Structures are given as C-alpha cells and as structure tokens.
Amino acid sequence: MSTPKKSLPSAPMYQQKQPYSLTVKADEKVFLCLCGHSTNPPHCSGQHKQINHPGPLAYQAQQAETLYLCGCGSSNNLPWCDGTHKDCPWW
C-alpha cells in the first residue's frame, strides 16, 4: 500500500513582490524552481513532484553573476524577473 502524497495548493505560492537575487560562481550549476511551490525559493526543493510539474530549470553559470528571479509569480519570462511585480494587483 503506497503512502498518499501530501496535498499542495494548486496555485503557486510565490512569496514576495521583489525579485530574488542569487549570486552564482562561474561554472556553478543551480536548479531554479519553476512550479512556484518551493520551500526554499528560488531554488528547487522537489515540491514539483507532488503536483505533477515537470521540474526545475537547471542553470549552468558561464561566469560569476547575479541572477534576478521572479518572486511574485507574474513574470512573463519565468523564472526570470521581468519587472511585472511593479504592477501586481495583489501586492
């Protein structure tokens, strides 16, 4: 008998109006949440497995840089911030 999977809300749980900033080193590989349910945003925490989502974006940095990732869930270019949070009606 299998254990039932934990139920998650169907809507993503984005947590802030501002973008997340993530500093990465050259050649560093990070897994970025695309489902919006991560318990450690902007990193993937595996929650996508419970909601039948394809999974994270694997990003390999070519150089040291700071990434700006959507924190509000409204970006038209997820997981990247496109500034849409400035016009989010729920913030």
PDB file of N, CA and C in Angstrom:
ATOM      1  N   MET A   1       0.841  -1.170   0.000  1.00  0.00           N
ATOM      2  CA  MET A   1       0.000   0.000   0.000  1.00  0.00           C
ATOM      3  C   MET A   1       0.894   1.243   0.000  1.00  0.00           C
ATOM      4  N   SER A   2       0.658   2.164  -0.923  1.00  0.00           N
ATOM      5  CA  SER A   2       1.501   3.361  -1.017  1.00  0.00           C
ATOM      6  C   SER A   2       0.963   4.478  -0.128  1.00  0.00           C
ATOM      7  N   THR A   3       1.884   5.313   0.299  1.00  0.00           N
ATOM      8  CA  THR A   3       1.523   6.461   1.122  1.00  0.00           C
ATOM      9  C   THR A   3       0.995   7.567   0.228  1.00  0.00           C
ATOM     10  N   PRO A   4      -0.141   8.168   0.560  1.00  0.00           N
ATOM     11  CA  PRO A   4      -0.662   9.256  -0.275  1.00  0.00           C
ATOM     12  C   PRO A   4       0.282  10.457  -0.259  1.00  0.00           C
ATOM     13  N   LYS A   5       0.367  11.116  -1.385  1.00  0.00           N
ATOM     14  CA  LYS A   5       1.207  12.304  -1.475  1.00  0.00           C
ATOM     15  C   LYS A   5       0.552  13.464  -0.744  1.00  0.00           C
ATOM     16  N   LYS A   6       1.392  14.307  -0.168  1.00  0.00           N
ATOM     17  CA  LYS A   6       0.928  15.496   0.544  1.00  0.00           C
ATOM     18  C   LYS A   6       0.218  16.416  -0.447  1.00  0.00           C
ATOM     19  N   SER A   7      -0.880  16.969  -0.042  1.00  0.00           N
ATOM     20  CA  SER A   7      -1.642  17.864  -0.898  1.00  0.00           C
ATOM     21  C   SER A   7      -1.065  19.282  -0.827  1.00  0.00           C
ATOM     22  N   LEU A   8      -0.822  19.862  -1.982  1.00  0.00           N
ATOM     23  CA  LEU A   8      -0.339  21.238  -2.072  1.00  0.00           C
ATOM     24  C   LEU A   8      -1.412  22.094  -2.725  1.00  0.00           C
ATOM     25  N   PRO A   9      -1.447  23.368  -2.420  1.00  0.00           N
ATOM     26  CA  PRO A   9      -2.387  24.250  -3.111  1.00  0.00           C
ATOM     27  C   PRO A   9      -2.130  24.210  -4.608  1.00  0.00           C
ATOM     28  N   SER A  10      -3.158  24.352  -5.419  1.00  0.00           N
ATOM     29  CA  SER A  10      -2.977  24.309  -6.868  1.00  0.00           C
ATOM     30  C   SER A  10      -2.323  25.579  -7.394  1.00  0.00           C
ATOM     31  N   ALA A  11      -2.516  26.688  -6.730  1.00  0.00           N
ATOM     32  CA  ALA A  11      -1.902  27.944  -7.166  1.00  0.00           C
ATOM     33  C   ALA A  11      -0.487  28.041  -6.608  1.00  0.00           C
ATOM     34  N   PRO A  12       0.447  28.568  -7.390  1.00  0.00           N
ATOM     35  CA  PRO A  12       1.808  28.739  -6.887  1.00  0.00           C
ATOM     36  C   PRO A  12       1.841  29.608  -5.634  1.00  0.00           C
ATOM     37  N   MET A  13       2.827  29.373  -4.817  1.00  0.00           N
ATOM     38  CA  MET A  13       2.953  30.066  -3.538  1.00  0.00           C
ATOM     39  C   MET A  13       4.085  31.095  -3.588  1.00  0.00           C
ATOM     40  N   TYR A  14       4.046  31.977  -4.545  1.00  0.00           N
ATOM     41  CA  TYR A  14       5.084  32.999  -4.628  1.00  0.00           C
ATOM     42  C   TYR A  14       5.023  33.859  -3.384  1.00  0.00           C
ATOM     43  N   GLN A  15       6.189  34.325  -2.920  1.00  0.00           N
ATOM     44  CA  GLN A  15       6.272  34.836  -1.566  1.00  0.00           C
ATOM     45  C   GLN A  15       6.640  36.299  -1.408  1.00  0.00           C
ATOM     46  N   GLN A  16       6.962  36.986  -2.480  1.00  0.00           N
ATOM     47  CA  GLN A  16       7.379  38.374  -2.288  1.00  0.00           C
ATOM     48  C   GLN A  16       7.185  39.190  -3.549  1.00  0.00           C
ATOM     49  N   LYS A  17       7.112  40.489  -3.365  1.00  0.00           N
ATOM     50  CA  LYS A  17       6.929  41.391  -4.501  1.00  0.00           C
ATOM     51  C   LYS A  17       8.233  41.603  -5.269  1.00  0.00           C
ATOM     52  N   GLN A  18       9.341  41.659  -4.565  1.00  0.00           N
ATOM     53  CA  GLN A  18      10.624  41.903  -5.215  1.00  0.00           C
ATOM     54  C   GLN A  18      11.199  40.609  -5.785  1.00  0.00           C
ATOM     55  N   PRO A  19      12.121  40.737  -6.727  1.00  0.00           N
ATOM     56  CA  PRO A  19      12.780  39.533  -7.227  1.00  0.00           C
ATOM     57  C   PRO A  19      13.746  38.962  -6.183  1.00  0.00           C
ATOM     58  N   TYR A  20      14.016  37.689  -6.317  1.00  0.00           N
ATOM     59  CA  TYR A  20      15.087  37.064  -5.541  1.00  0.00           C
ATOM     60  C   TYR A  20      16.387  37.366  -6.279  1.00  0.00           C
ATOM     61  N   SER A  21      17.428  37.709  -5.570  1.00  0.00           N
ATOM     62  CA  SER A  21      18.733  37.848  -6.206  1.00  0.00           C
ATOM     63  C   SER A  21      19.574  36.662  -5.758  1.00  0.00           C
ATOM     64  N   LEU A  22      20.243  36.060  -6.700  1.00  0.00           N
ATOM     65  CA  LEU A  22      21.030  34.870  -6.435  1.00  0.00           C
ATOM     66  C   LEU A  22      22.384  35.044  -7.106  1.00  0.00           C
ATOM     67  N   THR A  23      23.428  35.075  -6.307  1.00  0.00           N
ATOM     68  CA  THR A  23      24.780  35.211  -6.836  1.00  0.00           C
ATOM     69  C   THR A  23      25.342  33.820  -7.100  1.00  0.00           C
ATOM     70  N   VAL A  24      25.795  33.611  -8.318  1.00  0.00           N
ATOM     71  CA  VAL A  24      26.374  32.323  -8.698  1.00  0.00           C
ATOM     72  C   VAL A  24      27.810  32.525  -9.150  1.00  0.00           C
ATOM     73  N   LYS A  25      28.597  31.482  -8.990  1.00  0.00           N
ATOM     74  CA  LYS A  25      30.004  31.496  -9.398  1.00  0.00           C
ATOM     75  C   LYS A  25      30.116  30.928 -10.808  1.00  0.00           C
ATOM     76  N   ALA A  26      31.217  31.225 -11.472  1.00  0.00           N
ATOM     77  CA  ALA A  26      31.473  30.661 -12.793  1.00  0.00           C
ATOM     78  C   ALA A  26      31.419  29.139 -12.701  1.00  0.00           C
ATOM     79  N   ASP A  27      30.754  28.522 -13.653  1.00  0.00           N
ATOM     80  CA  ASP A  27      30.597  27.066 -13.763  1.00  0.00           C
ATOM     81  C   ASP A  27      29.689  26.448 -12.696  1.00  0.00           C
ATOM     82  N   GLU A  28      29.070  27.256 -11.849  1.00  0.00           N
ATOM     83  CA  GLU A  28      28.157  26.724 -10.836  1.00  0.00           C
ATOM     84  C   GLU A  28      26.837  26.329 -11.497  1.00  0.00           C
ATOM     85  N   LYS A  29      26.301  25.194 -11.074  1.00  0.00           N
ATOM     86  CA  LYS A  29      25.009  24.733 -11.578  1.00  0.00           C
ATOM     87  C   LYS A  29      23.984  24.862 -10.462  1.00  0.00           C
ATOM     88  N   VAL A  30      22.863  25.513 -10.761  1.00  0.00           N
ATOM     89  CA  VAL A  30      21.782  25.673  -9.794  1.00  0.00           C
ATOM     90  C   VAL A  30      20.481  25.176 -10.411  1.00  0.00           C
ATOM     91  N   PHE A  31      19.587  24.724  -9.559  1.00  0.00           N
ATOM     92  CA  PHE A  31      18.286  24.242 -10.002  1.00  0.00           C
ATOM     93  C   PHE A  31      17.240  25.227  -9.503  1.00  0.00           C
ATOM     94  N   LEU A  32      16.601  25.910 -10.442  1.00  0.00           N
ATOM     95  CA  LEU A  32      15.687  27.005 -10.132  1.00  0.00           C
ATOM     96  C   LEU A  32      14.236  26.538 -10.221  1.00  0.00           C
ATOM     97  N   CYS A  33      13.461  26.871  -9.198  1.00  0.00           N
ATOM     98  CA  CYS A  33      12.057  26.482  -9.127  1.00  0.00           C
ATOM     99  C   CYS A  33      11.264  27.108 -10.274  1.00  0.00           C
ATOM    100  N   LEU A  34      10.456  26.290 -10.921  1.00  0.00           N
ATOM    101  CA  LEU A  34       9.535  26.768 -11.952  1.00  0.00           C
ATOM    102  C   LEU A  34       8.075  26.550 -11.567  1.00  0.00           C
ATOM    103  N   CYS A  35       7.836  25.763 -10.512  1.00  0.00           N
ATOM    104  CA  CYS A  35       6.444  25.451 -10.158  1.00  0.00           C
ATOM    105  C   CYS A  35       5.845  26.445  -9.168  1.00  0.00           C
ATOM    106  N   GLY A  36       6.700  27.198  -8.455  1.00  0.00           N
ATOM    107  CA  GLY A  36       6.199  28.181  -7.501  1.00  0.00           C
ATOM    108  C   GLY A  36       5.855  27.619  -6.134  1.00  0.00           C
ATOM    109  N   HIS A  37       6.177  26.362  -5.866  1.00  0.00           N
ATOM    110  CA  HIS A  37       5.849  25.736  -4.590  1.00  0.00           C
ATOM    111  C   HIS A  37       7.076  25.408  -3.749  1.00  0.00           C
ATOM    112  N   SER A  38       8.238  25.888  -4.127  1.00  0.00           N
ATOM    113  CA  SER A  38       9.460  25.564  -3.408  1.00  0.00           C
ATOM    114  C   SER A  38       9.399  26.024  -1.953  1.00  0.00           C
ATOM    115  N   THR A  39       9.988  25.226  -1.083  1.00  0.00           N
ATOM    116  CA  THR A  39      10.120  25.627   0.320  1.00  0.00           C
ATOM    117  C   THR A  39      11.420  26.397   0.535  1.00  0.00           C
ATOM    118  N   ASN A  40      12.221  26.549  -0.531  1.00  0.00           N
ATOM    119  CA  ASN A  40      13.493  27.261  -0.463  1.00  0.00           C
ATOM    120  C   ASN A  40      13.703  28.099  -1.730  1.00  0.00           C
ATOM    121  N   PRO A  41      12.758  28.994  -2.055  1.00  0.00           N
ATOM    122  CA  PRO A  41      12.888  29.749  -3.299  1.00  0.00           C
ATOM    123  C   PRO A  41      14.113  30.658  -3.277  1.00  0.00           C
ATOM    124  N   PRO A  42      14.729  30.870  -4.405  1.00  0.00           N
ATOM    125  CA  PRO A  42      14.329  30.465  -5.750  1.00  0.00           C
ATOM    126  C   PRO A  42      14.823  29.080  -6.153  1.00  0.00           C
ATOM    127  N   HIS A  43      15.440  28.361  -5.204  1.00  0.00           N
ATOM    128  CA  HIS A  43      15.946  27.020  -5.501  1.00  0.00           C
ATOM    129  C   HIS A  43      14.801  26.005  -5.524  1.00  0.00           C
ATOM    130  N   CYS A  44      14.969  24.960  -6.302  1.00  0.00           N
ATOM    131  CA  CYS A  44      14.002  23.869  -6.322  1.00  0.00           C
ATOM    132  C   CYS A  44      14.150  23.061  -5.038  1.00  0.00           C
ATOM    133  N   SER A  45      13.028  22.711  -4.424  1.00  0.00           N
ATOM    134  CA  SER A  45      13.045  21.861  -3.228  1.00  0.00           C
ATOM    135  C   SER A  45      12.369  20.512  -3.488  1.00  0.00           C
ATOM    136  N   GLY A  46      12.006  20.248  -4.736  1.00  0.00           N
ATOM    137  CA  GLY A  46      11.394  18.969  -5.087  1.00  0.00           C
ATOM    138  C   GLY A  46       9.883  18.937  -4.976  1.00  0.00           C
ATOM    139  N   GLN A  47       9.258  20.045  -4.599  1.00  0.00           N
ATOM    140  CA  GLN A  47       7.804  20.068  -4.432  1.00  0.00           C
ATOM    141  C   GLN A  47       7.073  19.789  -5.736  1.00  0.00           C
ATOM    142  N   HIS A  48       7.704  20.041  -6.883  1.00  0.00           N
ATOM    143  CA  HIS A  48       7.066  19.803  -8.182  1.00  0.00           C
ATOM    144  C   HIS A  48       6.629  18.345  -8.342  1.00  0.00           C
ATOM    145  N   LYS A  49       7.300  17.438  -7.668  1.00  0.00           N
ATOM    146  CA  LYS A  49       6.968  16.012  -7.765  1.00  0.00           C
ATOM    147  C   LYS A  49       5.581  15.732  -7.189  1.00  0.00           C
ATOM    148  N   GLN A  50       5.140  16.573  -6.254  1.00  0.00           N
ATOM    149  CA  GLN A  50       3.844  16.367  -5.613  1.00  0.00           C
ATOM    150  C   GLN A  50       2.689  16.991  -6.391  1.00  0.00           C
ATOM    151  N   ILE A  51       3.000  17.818  -7.369  1.00  0.00           N
ATOM    152  CA  ILE A  51       1.927  18.483  -8.118  1.00  0.00           C
ATOM    153  C   ILE A  51       1.994  18.157  -9.613  1.00  0.00           C
ATOM    154  N   ASN A  52       2.773  17.152  -9.962  1.00  0.00           N
ATOM    155  CA  ASN A  52       2.881  16.705 -11.351  1.00  0.00           C
ATOM    156  C   ASN A  52       3.381  17.816 -12.276  1.00  0.00           C
ATOM    157  N   HIS A  53       4.397  18.535 -11.829  1.00  0.00           N
ATOM    158  CA  HIS A  53       5.030  19.594 -12.621  1.00  0.00           C
ATOM    159  C   HIS A  53       6.342  19.043 -13.164  1.00  0.00           C
ATOM    160  N   PRO A  54       6.749  19.448 -14.369  1.00  0.00           N
ATOM    161  CA  PRO A  54       7.954  18.862 -14.963  1.00  0.00           C
ATOM    162  C   PRO A  54       9.251  19.065 -14.189  1.00  0.00           C
ATOM    163  N   GLY A  55       9.362  20.072 -13.372  1.00  0.00           N
ATOM    164  CA  GLY A  55      10.585  20.217 -12.593  1.00  0.00           C
ATOM    165  C   GLY A  55      11.312  21.522 -12.814  1.00  0.00           C
ATOM    166  N   PRO A  56      12.492  21.630 -12.215  1.00  0.00           N
ATOM    167  CA  PRO A  56      13.227  22.889 -12.196  1.00  0.00           C
ATOM    168  C   PRO A  56      13.969  23.179 -13.494  1.00  0.00           C
ATOM    169  N   LEU A  57      14.444  24.399 -13.586  1.00  0.00           N
ATOM    170  CA  LEU A  57      15.356  24.790 -14.653  1.00  0.00           C
ATOM    171  C   LEU A  57      16.763  24.577 -14.131  1.00  0.00           C
ATOM    172  N   ALA A  58      17.546  23.772 -14.819  1.00  0.00           N
ATOM    173  CA  ALA A  58      18.955  23.588 -14.470  1.00  0.00           C
ATOM    174  C   ALA A  58      19.729  24.696 -15.179  1.00  0.00           C
ATOM    175  N   TYR A  59      20.357  25.558 -14.400  1.00  0.00           N
ATOM    176  CA  TYR A  59      21.086  26.701 -14.956  1.00  0.00           C
ATOM    177  C   TYR A  59      22.561  26.548 -14.658  1.00  0.00           C
ATOM    178  N   GLN A  60      23.372  26.584 -15.693  1.00  0.00           N
ATOM    179  CA  GLN A  60      24.827  26.496 -15.566  1.00  0.00           C
ATOM    180  C   GLN A  60      25.407  27.874 -15.853  1.00  0.00           C
ATOM    181  N   ALA A  61      25.970  28.489 -14.834  1.00  0.00           N
ATOM    182  CA  ALA A  61      26.550  29.826 -14.998  1.00  0.00           C
ATOM    183  C   ALA A  61      27.826  29.745 -15.833  1.00  0.00           C
ATOM    184  N   GLN A  62      27.943  30.614 -16.797  1.00  0.00           N
ATOM    185  CA  GLN A  62      29.144  30.687 -17.616  1.00  0.00           C
ATOM    186  C   GLN A  62      30.207  31.546 -16.951  1.00  0.00           C
ATOM    187  N   GLN A  63      29.742  32.469 -16.108  1.00  0.00           N
ATOM    188  CA  GLN A  63      30.632  33.393 -15.402  1.00  0.00           C
ATOM    189  C   GLN A  63      29.979  33.743 -14.071  1.00  0.00           C
ATOM    190  N   ALA A  64      30.737  34.348 -13.171  1.00  0.00           N
ATOM    191  CA  ALA A  64      30.157  34.824 -11.917  1.00  0.00           C
ATOM    192  C   ALA A  64      29.160  35.923 -12.249  1.00  0.00           C
ATOM    193  N   GLU A  65      27.982  35.850 -11.664  1.00  0.00           N
ATOM    194  CA  GLU A  65      26.941  36.831 -11.961  1.00  0.00           C
ATOM    195  C   GLU A  65      25.862  36.795 -10.888  1.00  0.00           C
ATOM    196  N   THR A  66      25.009  37.794 -10.904  1.00  0.00           N
ATOM    197  CA  THR A  66      23.840  37.821 -10.035  1.00  0.00           C
ATOM    198  C   THR A  66      22.614  37.621 -10.906  1.00  0.00           C
ATOM    199  N   LEU A  67      21.808  36.646 -10.536  1.00  0.00           N
ATOM    200  CA  LEU A  67      20.570  36.355 -11.251  1.00  0.00           C
ATOM    201  C   LEU A  67      19.420  37.012 -10.508  1.00  0.00           C
ATOM    202  N   TYR A  68      18.442  37.513 -11.246  1.00  0.00           N
ATOM    203  CA  TYR A  68      17.240  38.101 -10.648  1.00  0.00           C
ATOM    204  C   TYR A  68      16.057  37.251 -11.064  1.00  0.00           C
ATOM    205  N   LEU A  69      15.468  36.592 -10.072  1.00  0.00           N
ATOM    206  CA  LEU A  69      14.424  35.613 -10.306  1.00  0.00           C
ATOM    207  C   LEU A  69      13.099  36.094  -9.746  1.00  0.00           C
ATOM    208  N   CYS A  70      12.034  35.794 -10.459  1.00  0.00           N
ATOM    209  CA  CYS A  70      10.699  36.254 -10.085  1.00  0.00           C
ATOM    210  C   CYS A  70      10.321  35.795  -8.679  1.00  0.00           C
ATOM    211  N   GLY A  71       9.827  36.724  -7.889  1.00  0.00           N
ATOM    212  CA  GLY A  71       9.342  36.410  -6.546  1.00  0.00           C
ATOM    213  C   GLY A  71       7.835  36.516  -6.429  1.00  0.00           C
ATOM    214  N   CYS A  72       7.179  37.132  -7.437  1.00  0.00           N
ATOM    215  CA  CYS A  72       5.733  37.375  -7.337  1.00  0.00           C
ATOM    216  C   CYS A  72       4.895  36.402  -8.173  1.00  0.00           C
ATOM    217  N   GLY A  73       5.509  35.734  -9.134  1.00  0.00           N
ATOM    218  CA  GLY A  73       4.783  34.785  -9.975  1.00  0.00           C
ATOM    219  C   GLY A  73       4.127  35.385 -11.200  1.00  0.00           C
ATOM    220  N   SER A  74       4.327  36.666 -11.450  1.00  0.00           N
ATOM    221  CA  SER A  74       3.663  37.323 -12.581  1.00  0.00           C
ATOM    222  C   SER A  74       4.550  37.529 -13.802  1.00  0.00           C
ATOM    223  N   SER A  75       5.808  37.192 -13.703  1.00  0.00           N
ATOM    224  CA  SER A  75       6.718  37.406 -14.824  1.00  0.00           C
ATOM    225  C   SER A  75       6.238  36.660 -16.069  1.00  0.00           C
ATOM    226  N   ASN A  76       6.429  37.268 -17.208  1.00  0.00           N
ATOM    227  CA  ASN A  76       6.120  36.613 -18.484  1.00  0.00           C
ATOM    228  C   ASN A  76       7.310  35.815 -18.988  1.00  0.00           C
ATOM    229  N   ASN A  77       8.357  35.741 -18.172  1.00  0.00           N
ATOM    230  CA  ASN A  77       9.579  35.049 -18.558  1.00  0.00           C
ATOM    231  C   ASN A  77      10.114  34.236 -17.371  1.00  0.00           C
ATOM    232  N   LEU A  78       9.232  33.489 -16.682  1.00  0.00           N
ATOM    233  CA  LEU A  78       9.646  32.702 -15.521  1.00  0.00           C
ATOM    234  C   LEU A  78      10.774  31.743 -15.875  1.00  0.00           C
ATOM    235  N   PRO A  79      11.766  31.583 -15.032  1.00  0.00           N
ATOM    236  CA  PRO A  79      11.836  32.035 -13.656  1.00  0.00           C
ATOM    237  C   PRO A  79      12.447  33.434 -13.495  1.00  0.00           C
ATOM    238  N   TRP A  80      12.756  34.093 -14.595  1.00  0.00           N
ATOM    239  CA  TRP A  80      13.446  35.382 -14.551  1.00  0.00           C
ATOM    240  C   TRP A  80      12.471  36.520 -14.247  1.00  0.00           C
ATOM    241  N   CYS A  81      12.935  37.491 -13.499  1.00  0.00           N
ATOM    242  CA  CYS A  81      12.144  38.678 -13.214  1.00  0.00           C
ATOM    243  C   CYS A  81      12.124  39.573 -14.449  1.00  0.00           C
ATOM    244  N   ASP A  82      10.947  40.048 -14.827  1.00  0.00           N
ATOM    245  CA  ASP A  82      10.834  40.986 -15.946  1.00  0.00           C
ATOM    246  C   ASP A  82      10.247  42.330 -15.506  1.00  0.00           C
ATOM    247  N   GLY A  83      10.162  42.543 -14.194  1.00  0.00           N
ATOM    248  CA  GLY A  83       9.653  43.809 -13.674  1.00  0.00           C
ATOM    249  C   GLY A  83       8.154  43.871 -13.505  1.00  0.00           C
ATOM    250  N   THR A  84       7.443  42.814 -13.860  1.00  0.00           N
ATOM    251  CA  THR A  84       5.987  42.798 -13.775  1.00  0.00           C
ATOM    252  C   THR A  84       5.488  43.021 -12.349  1.00  0.00           C
ATOM    253  N   HIS A  85       6.301  42.688 -11.343  1.00  0.00           N
ATOM    254  CA  HIS A  85       5.883  42.842  -9.940  1.00  0.00           C
ATOM    255  C   HIS A  85       5.513  44.288  -9.606  1.00  0.00           C
ATOM    256  N   LYS A  86       6.034  45.219 -10.382  1.00  0.00           N
ATOM    257  CA  LYS A  86       5.731  46.643 -10.122  1.00  0.00           C
ATOM    258  C   LYS A  86       4.250  46.940 -10.334  1.00  0.00           C
ATOM    259  N   ASP A  87       3.573  46.109 -11.148  1.00  0.00           N
ATOM    260  CA  ASP A  87       2.157  46.323 -11.444  1.00  0.00           C
ATOM    261  C   ASP A  87       1.259  45.209 -10.898  1.00  0.00           C
ATOM    262  N   CYS A  88       1.775  44.363 -10.015  1.00  0.00           N
ATOM    263  CA  CYS A  88       0.988  43.268  -9.449  1.00  0.00           C
ATOM    264  C   CYS A  88      -0.178  43.820  -8.642  1.00  0.00           C
ATOM    265  N   PRO A  89      -1.415  43.441  -8.939  1.00  0.00           N
ATOM    266  CA  PRO A  89      -2.546  43.972  -8.198  1.00  0.00           C
ATOM    267  C   PRO A  89      -2.643  43.454  -6.763  1.00  0.00           C
ATOM    268  N   TRP A  90      -2.069  42.281  -6.465  1.00  0.00           N
ATOM    269  CA  TRP A  90      -2.220  41.714  -5.126  1.00  0.00           C
ATOM    270  C   TRP A  90      -1.127  42.121  -4.159  1.00  0.00           C
ATOM    271  N   TRP A  91      -0.222  42.990  -4.563  1.00  0.00           N
ATOM    272  CA  TRP A  91       0.804  43.467  -3.627  1.00  0.00           C
ATOM    273  C   TRP A  91       0.451  44.828  -3.210  1.00  0.00           C
TER     274      TRP A  91
END
